[in-house]
Amino acid sequence: MHAKTIIGINQEDIQVALKESLSDGFKPTLAIVFTVKQEREVVCSILHVALKEK
């Protein structure tokens, strides 16, 4: 099992960090999201879009 941590303060930071993580062939199968701002829908959308692109 290979795990990576993706951290971002805003939507753009998360998208950039996720793209960098996926660039080496990493294929996540599980995501655990912690958010203070309750922007779960935005984070889920970013993950869905990024995984469909692969």
N, C-alpha and C. Protein backbone atom coordinates (compact mmCIF):
# COMPACT_ATOMS: atom_id res chain seq x y z
N MET A 1 0.84 -1.17 0.00
CA MET A 1 0.00 0.00 0.00
C MET A 1 0.89 1.23 0.00
N HIS A 2 0.52 2.18 -0.82
CA HIS A 2 1.27 3.43 -0.93
C HIS A 2 0.35 4.57 -0.54
N ALA A 3 0.76 5.39 0.39
CA ALA A 3 -0.07 6.50 0.87
C ALA A 3 0.63 7.83 0.64
N LYS A 4 -0.16 8.85 0.35
CA LYS A 4 0.37 10.20 0.19
C LYS A 4 -0.55 11.17 0.91
N THR A 5 0.05 12.23 1.41
CA THR A 5 -0.71 13.29 2.05
C THR A 5 -0.80 14.46 1.09
N ILE A 6 -2.00 14.95 0.89
CA ILE A 6 -2.23 16.10 0.01
C ILE A 6 -2.81 17.20 0.89
N ILE A 7 -2.09 18.32 0.97
CA ILE A 7 -2.50 19.41 1.84
C ILE A 7 -2.67 20.67 1.01
N GLY A 8 -3.73 21.42 1.29
CA GLY A 8 -3.94 22.69 0.62
C GLY A 8 -4.80 23.61 1.46
N ILE A 9 -4.54 24.90 1.33
CA ILE A 9 -5.31 25.89 2.08
C ILE A 9 -6.57 26.28 1.32
N ASN A 10 -6.49 26.24 0.00
CA ASN A 10 -7.65 26.59 -0.82
C ASN A 10 -7.79 25.60 -1.96
N GLN A 11 -8.80 25.80 -2.76
CA GLN A 11 -9.12 24.88 -3.86
C GLN A 11 -7.95 24.74 -4.83
N GLU A 12 -7.31 25.83 -5.17
CA GLU A 12 -6.21 25.78 -6.13
C GLU A 12 -5.02 25.00 -5.57
N ASP A 13 -4.71 25.20 -4.29
CA ASP A 13 -3.61 24.46 -3.66
C ASP A 13 -3.86 22.96 -3.69
N ILE A 14 -5.09 22.57 -3.41
CA ILE A 14 -5.44 21.15 -3.40
C ILE A 14 -5.32 20.56 -4.80
N GLN A 15 -5.80 21.29 -5.81
CA GLN A 15 -5.73 20.81 -7.18
C GLN A 15 -4.28 20.62 -7.62
N VAL A 16 -3.42 21.57 -7.31
CA VAL A 16 -2.01 21.48 -7.70
C VAL A 16 -1.34 20.31 -6.98
N ALA A 17 -1.57 20.18 -5.69
CA ALA A 17 -0.96 19.09 -4.92
C ALA A 17 -1.44 17.73 -5.42
N LEU A 18 -2.71 17.63 -5.76
CA LEU A 18 -3.25 16.36 -6.26
C LEU A 18 -2.65 16.01 -7.62
N LYS A 19 -2.55 16.99 -8.51
CA LYS A 19 -1.95 16.73 -9.82
C LYS A 19 -0.50 16.29 -9.69
N GLU A 20 0.24 16.91 -8.78
CA GLU A 20 1.63 16.51 -8.55
C GLU A 20 1.70 15.07 -8.03
N SER A 21 0.78 14.71 -7.15
CA SER A 21 0.77 13.35 -6.60
C SER A 21 0.42 12.32 -7.67
N LEU A 22 -0.47 12.68 -8.58
CA LEU A 22 -0.90 11.74 -9.62
C LEU A 22 0.10 11.65 -10.76
N SER A 23 1.01 12.61 -10.87
CA SER A 23 1.92 12.65 -12.01
C SER A 23 2.89 11.47 -12.06
N ASP A 24 3.13 10.82 -10.92
CA ASP A 24 4.07 9.69 -10.91
C ASP A 24 3.36 8.34 -10.98
N GLY A 25 2.08 8.35 -11.34
CA GLY A 25 1.35 7.10 -11.48
C GLY A 25 0.57 6.69 -10.25
N PHE A 26 0.60 7.49 -9.22
CA PHE A 26 -0.15 7.20 -7.99
C PHE A 26 -1.64 7.17 -8.29
N LYS A 27 -2.31 6.10 -7.84
CA LYS A 27 -3.75 5.95 -8.06
C LYS A 27 -4.44 5.72 -6.71
N PRO A 28 -4.97 6.79 -6.12
CA PRO A 28 -5.61 6.64 -4.81
C PRO A 28 -6.91 5.84 -4.90
N THR A 29 -7.15 5.05 -3.88
CA THR A 29 -8.40 4.28 -3.82
C THR A 29 -9.26 4.68 -2.63
N LEU A 30 -8.69 5.48 -1.74
CA LEU A 30 -9.42 5.92 -0.55
C LEU A 30 -8.96 7.32 -0.19
N ALA A 31 -9.89 8.17 0.16
CA ALA A 31 -9.55 9.53 0.60
C ALA A 31 -10.23 9.81 1.92
N ILE A 32 -9.45 10.31 2.86
CA ILE A 32 -9.99 10.77 4.13
C ILE A 32 -9.74 12.27 4.17
N VAL A 33 -10.81 13.04 4.28
CA VAL A 33 -10.71 14.49 4.16
C VAL A 33 -11.05 15.14 5.50
N PHE A 34 -10.16 16.02 5.93
CA PHE A 34 -10.41 16.84 7.11
C PHE A 34 -10.51 18.28 6.64
N THR A 35 -11.59 18.96 6.98
CA THR A 35 -11.76 20.34 6.56
C THR A 35 -12.39 21.16 7.67
N VAL A 36 -11.86 22.34 7.87
CA VAL A 36 -12.39 23.25 8.88
C VAL A 36 -13.53 24.07 8.29
N LYS A 37 -13.43 24.39 7.02
CA LYS A 37 -14.42 25.26 6.37
C LYS A 37 -15.64 24.52 5.87
N GLN A 38 -15.70 23.22 6.05
CA GLN A 38 -16.84 22.41 5.61
C GLN A 38 -17.05 22.48 4.09
N GLU A 39 -15.98 22.47 3.34
CA GLU A 39 -16.06 22.50 1.88
C GLU A 39 -15.89 21.10 1.30
N ARG A 40 -16.58 20.15 1.88
CA ARG A 40 -16.45 18.75 1.44
C ARG A 40 -16.84 18.57 -0.02
N GLU A 41 -17.90 19.25 -0.44
CA GLU A 41 -18.36 19.09 -1.82
C GLU A 41 -17.30 19.54 -2.81
N VAL A 42 -16.61 20.64 -2.50
CA VAL A 42 -15.56 21.14 -3.39
C VAL A 42 -14.41 20.14 -3.46
N VAL A 43 -13.99 19.64 -2.32
CA VAL A 43 -12.88 18.68 -2.29
C VAL A 43 -13.28 17.39 -3.02
N CYS A 44 -14.48 16.92 -2.80
CA CYS A 44 -14.95 15.71 -3.51
C CYS A 44 -14.97 15.94 -5.01
N SER A 45 -15.41 17.10 -5.43
CA SER A 45 -15.44 17.43 -6.85
C SER A 45 -14.03 17.42 -7.44
N ILE A 46 -13.08 18.00 -6.74
CA ILE A 46 -11.69 18.00 -7.21
C ILE A 46 -11.17 16.58 -7.37
N LEU A 47 -11.45 15.72 -6.39
CA LEU A 47 -10.99 14.34 -6.46
C LEU A 47 -11.63 13.58 -7.61
N HIS A 48 -12.93 13.75 -7.80
CA HIS A 48 -13.63 13.06 -8.88
C HIS A 48 -13.09 13.48 -10.24
N VAL A 49 -12.90 14.77 -10.44
CA VAL A 49 -12.40 15.27 -11.72
C VAL A 49 -10.99 14.76 -11.98
N ALA A 50 -10.13 14.82 -10.98
CA ALA A 50 -8.74 14.39 -11.15
C ALA A 50 -8.66 12.91 -11.48
N LEU A 51 -9.47 12.10 -10.84
CA LEU A 51 -9.41 10.66 -11.09
C LEU A 51 -10.02 10.28 -12.43
N LYS A 52 -10.98 11.04 -12.92
CA LYS A 52 -11.55 10.77 -14.25
C LYS A 52 -10.56 11.12 -15.34
N GLU A 53 -9.67 12.09 -15.09
CA GLU A 53 -8.67 12.49 -16.08
C GLU A 53 -7.62 11.42 -16.28
N LYS A 54 -7.40 10.57 -15.30
CA LYS A 54 -6.36 9.54 -15.37
C LYS A 54 -6.78 8.37 -16.16
